């Protein structure tokens, strides 16, 4: 699936919910399904700066695609990073860099987060794209 198709799928899923309490519950459930990051990767090097909660992001480059793993110490934040990983993991660095996460605005996520969580969301997207840029630069 392309990044655009995955985002459209997420938008369709969120359209099924009537209110934001149900959407928050869904985001939290997504976090519970996040593949567990190796505890050795929960270090300062993989910690995303700018997040209210602790968020660790690890990236590997295999067969021309970036594979991300992540974790957080907060359940809602864990769900948010799970959404982002669903969109961007196993995609090429070029596709990651070329595609903005439009689903965030479409589902109204940013406006339903506290200012500090919204800043954290921006930091997560920025870090995902920095990894993609590093892999693209290294492999071109």
C-alpha atoms as a PDB file:
ATOM      1  CA  UNK A   1       0.000   0.000   0.000  1.00  0.00           C
ATOM      2  CA  UNK A   2       1.131   3.529  -0.661  1.00  0.00           C
ATOM      3  CA  UNK A   3       1.403   6.122   2.101  1.00  0.00           C
ATOM      4  CA  UNK A   4      -1.575   7.949   0.596  1.00  0.00           C
ATOM      5  CA  UNK A   5      -3.718   4.775   0.605  1.00  0.00           C
ATOM      6  CA  UNK A   6      -2.825   4.003   4.218  1.00  0.00           C
ATOM      7  CA  UNK A   7      -3.738   7.541   5.269  1.00  0.00           C
ATOM      8  CA  UNK A   8      -7.073   7.318   3.436  1.00  0.00           C
ATOM      9  CA  UNK A   9      -7.752   4.016   5.229  1.00  0.00           C
ATOM     10  CA  UNK A  10      -7.072   5.686   8.608  1.00  0.00           C
ATOM     11  CA  UNK A  11      -9.399   8.579   7.719  1.00  0.00           C
ATOM     12  CA  UNK A  12     -12.160   6.084   6.824  1.00  0.00           C
ATOM     13  CA  UNK A  13     -11.652   4.249  10.130  1.00  0.00           C
ATOM     14  CA  UNK A  14     -11.906   7.472  12.147  1.00  0.00           C
ATOM     15  CA  UNK A  15     -15.069   8.477  10.264  1.00  0.00           C
ATOM     16  CA  UNK A  16     -16.817   5.508  11.900  1.00  0.00           C
ATOM     17  CA  UNK A  17     -16.593   7.123  15.333  1.00  0.00           C
ATOM     18  CA  UNK A  18     -19.191   9.596  16.551  1.00  0.00           C
ATOM     19  CA  UNK A  19     -17.098  11.499  19.084  1.00  0.00           C
ATOM     20  CA  UNK A  20     -13.561  12.115  20.241  1.00  0.00           C
ATOM     21  CA  UNK A  21     -13.789   9.868  23.288  1.00  0.00           C
ATOM     22  CA  UNK A  22     -14.279   6.911  20.939  1.00  0.00           C
ATOM     23  CA  UNK A  23     -11.422   8.143  18.757  1.00  0.00           C
ATOM     24  CA  UNK A  24      -9.098   8.437  21.773  1.00  0.00           C
ATOM     25  CA  UNK A  25     -10.001   4.876  22.770  1.00  0.00           C
ATOM     26  CA  UNK A  26      -9.192   3.701  19.245  1.00  0.00           C
ATOM     27  CA  UNK A  27      -5.828   5.491  19.304  1.00  0.00           C
ATOM     28  CA  UNK A  28      -5.018   3.887  22.655  1.00  0.00           C
ATOM     29  CA  UNK A  29      -5.952   0.457  21.248  1.00  0.00           C
ATOM     30  CA  UNK A  30      -3.611   1.058  18.311  1.00  0.00           C
ATOM     31  CA  UNK A  31      -0.827   1.724  20.798  1.00  0.00           C
ATOM     32  CA  UNK A  32      -1.452  -1.618  22.478  1.00  0.00           C
ATOM     33  CA  UNK A  33      -0.891  -3.379  19.147  1.00  0.00           C
ATOM     34  CA  UNK A  34       2.457  -1.635  18.586  1.00  0.00           C
ATOM     35  CA  UNK A  35       5.304  -4.082  18.168  1.00  0.00           C
ATOM     36  CA  UNK A  36       7.432  -3.925  21.301  1.00  0.00           C
ATOM     37  CA  UNK A  37      10.744  -2.170  20.784  1.00  0.00           C
ATOM     38  CA  UNK A  38      13.818  -3.951  22.086  1.00  0.00           C
ATOM     39  CA  UNK A  39      14.566  -2.585  25.558  1.00  0.00           C
ATOM     40  CA  UNK A  40      18.175  -1.905  24.520  1.00  0.00           C
ATOM     41  CA  UNK A  41      16.777   0.619  22.006  1.00  0.00           C
ATOM     42  CA  UNK A  42      15.077   2.613  24.772  1.00  0.00           C
ATOM     43  CA  UNK A  43      18.065   4.899  25.159  1.00  0.00           C
ATOM     44  CA  UNK A  44      18.767   8.610  24.918  1.00  0.00           C
ATOM     45  CA  UNK A  45      19.945   8.243  21.314  1.00  0.00           C
ATOM     46  CA  UNK A  46      16.461   7.055  20.235  1.00  0.00           C
ATOM     47  CA  UNK A  47      14.509   9.458  22.458  1.00  0.00           C
ATOM     48  CA  UNK A  48      12.528  12.066  20.511  1.00  0.00           C
ATOM     49  CA  UNK A  49      13.122  15.594  21.781  1.00  0.00           C
ATOM     50  CA  UNK A  50      10.106  17.859  22.082  1.00  0.00           C
ATOM     51  CA  UNK A  51       7.631  15.294  23.381  1.00  0.00           C
ATOM     52  CA  UNK A  52       5.892  15.718  26.736  1.00  0.00           C
ATOM     53  CA  UNK A  53       6.072  11.946  27.236  1.00  0.00           C
ATOM     54  CA  UNK A  54       9.049   9.754  26.520  1.00  0.00           C
ATOM     55  CA  UNK A  55       8.980   8.419  22.955  1.00  0.00           C
ATOM     56  CA  UNK A  56      11.686   6.176  21.577  1.00  0.00           C
ATOM     57  CA  UNK A  57      12.002   5.716  17.821  1.00  0.00           C
ATOM     58  CA  UNK A  58      14.310   3.224  16.121  1.00  0.00           C
ATOM     59  CA  UNK A  59      14.786   2.982  12.350  1.00  0.00           C
ATOM     60  CA  UNK A  60      16.401   0.320  10.194  1.00  0.00           C
ATOM     61  CA  UNK A  61      17.007   0.351   6.446  1.00  0.00           C
ATOM     62  CA  UNK A  62      16.339  -2.907   4.622  1.00  0.00           C
ATOM     63  CA  UNK A  63      15.778  -3.615   0.923  1.00  0.00           C
ATOM     64  CA  UNK A  64      15.351   0.080   0.088  1.00  0.00           C
ATOM     65  CA  UNK A  65      12.705   0.668   2.749  1.00  0.00           C
ATOM     66  CA  UNK A  66      12.696   2.096   6.264  1.00  0.00           C
ATOM     67  CA  UNK A  67      11.364  -0.068   9.092  1.00  0.00           C
ATOM     68  CA  UNK A  68      10.458   1.818  12.258  1.00  0.00           C
ATOM     69  CA  UNK A  69       9.836   0.551  15.771  1.00  0.00           C
ATOM     70  CA  UNK A  70       8.797   2.768  18.664  1.00  0.00           C
ATOM     71  CA  UNK A  71       7.465   2.914  22.190  1.00  0.00           C
ATOM     72  CA  UNK A  72       6.237   5.491  24.666  1.00  0.00           C
ATOM     73  CA  UNK A  73       5.646   5.664  28.398  1.00  0.00           C
ATOM     74  CA  UNK A  74       2.185   7.240  27.837  1.00  0.00           C
ATOM     75  CA  UNK A  75      -0.724   5.266  26.389  1.00  0.00           C
ATOM     76  CA  UNK A  76      -2.145   8.018  24.168  1.00  0.00           C
ATOM     77  CA  UNK A  77       1.278   8.966  22.831  1.00  0.00           C
ATOM     78  CA  UNK A  78       2.004   5.303  22.148  1.00  0.00           C
ATOM     79  CA  UNK A  79      -1.154   5.209  20.034  1.00  0.00           C
ATOM     80  CA  UNK A  80      -0.155   8.345  18.146  1.00  0.00           C
ATOM     81  CA  UNK A  81       3.285   6.961  17.271  1.00  0.00           C
ATOM     82  CA  UNK A  82       1.587   3.674  16.284  1.00  0.00           C
ATOM     83  CA  UNK A  83      -0.549   5.626  13.777  1.00  0.00           C
ATOM     84  CA  UNK A  84       2.524   7.339  12.352  1.00  0.00           C
ATOM     85  CA  UNK A  85       4.406   4.053  12.066  1.00  0.00           C
ATOM     86  CA  UNK A  86       1.442   2.484  10.303  1.00  0.00           C
ATOM     87  CA  UNK A  87       1.710   5.234   7.687  1.00  0.00           C
ATOM     88  CA  UNK A  88       5.486   5.406   7.258  1.00  0.00           C
ATOM     89  CA  UNK A  89       7.055   2.042   8.113  1.00  0.00           C
ATOM     90  CA  UNK A  90       8.153  -0.173   5.230  1.00  0.00           C
ATOM     91  CA  UNK A  91       8.142   2.770   2.810  1.00  0.00           C
ATOM     92  CA  UNK A  92      11.036   4.173   0.803  1.00  0.00           C
ATOM     93  CA  UNK A  93      12.916   7.195   2.164  1.00  0.00           C
ATOM     94  CA  UNK A  94      11.797   9.215  -0.873  1.00  0.00           C
ATOM     95  CA  UNK A  95       8.120   8.406  -0.289  1.00  0.00           C
ATOM     96  CA  UNK A  96       8.437   9.274   3.402  1.00  0.00           C
ATOM     97  CA  UNK A  97      10.048  12.607   2.576  1.00  0.00           C
ATOM     98  CA  UNK A  98       7.621  13.409  -0.245  1.00  0.00           C
ATOM     99  CA  UNK A  99       4.384  12.621   1.622  1.00  0.00           C
ATOM    100  CA  UNK A 100       3.013  14.753   4.423  1.00  0.00           C
ATOM    101  CA  UNK A 101       0.774  13.140   7.056  1.00  0.00           C
ATOM    102  CA  UNK A 102      -2.454  14.755   5.822  1.00  0.00           C
ATOM    103  CA  UNK A 103      -4.551  12.313   7.854  1.00  0.00           C
ATOM    104  CA  UNK A 104      -3.663  14.266  11.014  1.00  0.00           C
ATOM    105  CA  UNK A 105      -5.664  17.292   9.836  1.00  0.00           C
ATOM    106  CA  UNK A 106      -8.355  15.201   8.155  1.00  0.00           C
ATOM    107  CA  UNK A 107      -9.259  13.355  11.362  1.00  0.00           C
ATOM    108  CA  UNK A 108      -8.779  16.487  13.500  1.00  0.00           C
ATOM    109  CA  UNK A 109      -6.109  14.904  15.672  1.00  0.00           C
ATOM    110  CA  UNK A 110      -3.872  17.931  16.200  1.00  0.00           C
ATOM    111  CA  UNK A 111      -6.726  20.174  17.334  1.00  0.00           C
ATOM    112  CA  UNK A 112      -7.881  17.562  19.864  1.00  0.00           C
ATOM    113  CA  UNK A 113      -4.491  17.328  21.572  1.00  0.00           C
ATOM    114  CA  UNK A 114      -3.093  19.549  24.264  1.00  0.00           C
ATOM    115  CA  UNK A 115      -0.531  22.065  22.943  1.00  0.00           C
ATOM    116  CA  UNK A 116       2.357  20.046  24.380  1.00  0.00           C
ATOM    117  CA  UNK A 117       1.079  16.788  22.830  1.00  0.00           C
ATOM    118  CA  UNK A 118       0.533  18.581  19.502  1.00  0.00           C
ATOM    119  CA  UNK A 119       4.151  19.793  19.641  1.00  0.00           C
ATOM    120  CA  UNK A 120       5.206  16.219  20.391  1.00  0.00           C
ATOM    121  CA  UNK A 121       3.301  15.019  17.335  1.00  0.00           C
ATOM    122  CA  UNK A 122       5.199  17.511  15.169  1.00  0.00           C
ATOM    123  CA  UNK A 123       8.467  16.293  16.724  1.00  0.00           C
ATOM    124  CA  UNK A 124       7.575  12.670  15.950  1.00  0.00           C
ATOM    125  CA  UNK A 125       6.873  13.445  12.282  1.00  0.00           C
ATOM    126  CA  UNK A 126      10.079  15.478  12.063  1.00  0.00           C
ATOM    127  CA  UNK A 127      12.140  12.602  13.502  1.00  0.00           C
ATOM    128  CA  UNK A 128      10.588  10.059  11.112  1.00  0.00           C
ATOM    129  CA  UNK A 129      11.489  12.309   8.195  1.00  0.00           C
ATOM    130  CA  UNK A 130      15.020  12.906   9.527  1.00  0.00           C
ATOM    131  CA  UNK A 131      15.633   9.157   9.563  1.00  0.00           C
ATOM    132  CA  UNK A 132      14.318   8.918   5.988  1.00  0.00           C
ATOM    133  CA  UNK A 133      16.583  11.780   4.905  1.00  0.00           C
ATOM    134  CA  UNK A 134      19.602  10.142   6.546  1.00  0.00           C
ATOM    135  CA  UNK A 135      18.920   6.820   4.801  1.00  0.00           C
ATOM    136  CA  UNK A 136      18.277   8.533   1.459  1.00  0.00           C
ATOM    137  CA  UNK A 137      21.502  10.536   1.723  1.00  0.00           C
ATOM    138  CA  UNK A 138      23.554   7.544   2.840  1.00  0.00           C
ATOM    139  CA  UNK A 139      22.252   5.284   0.058  1.00  0.00           C
ATOM    140  CA  UNK A 140      22.327   7.652  -2.917  1.00  0.00           C
END
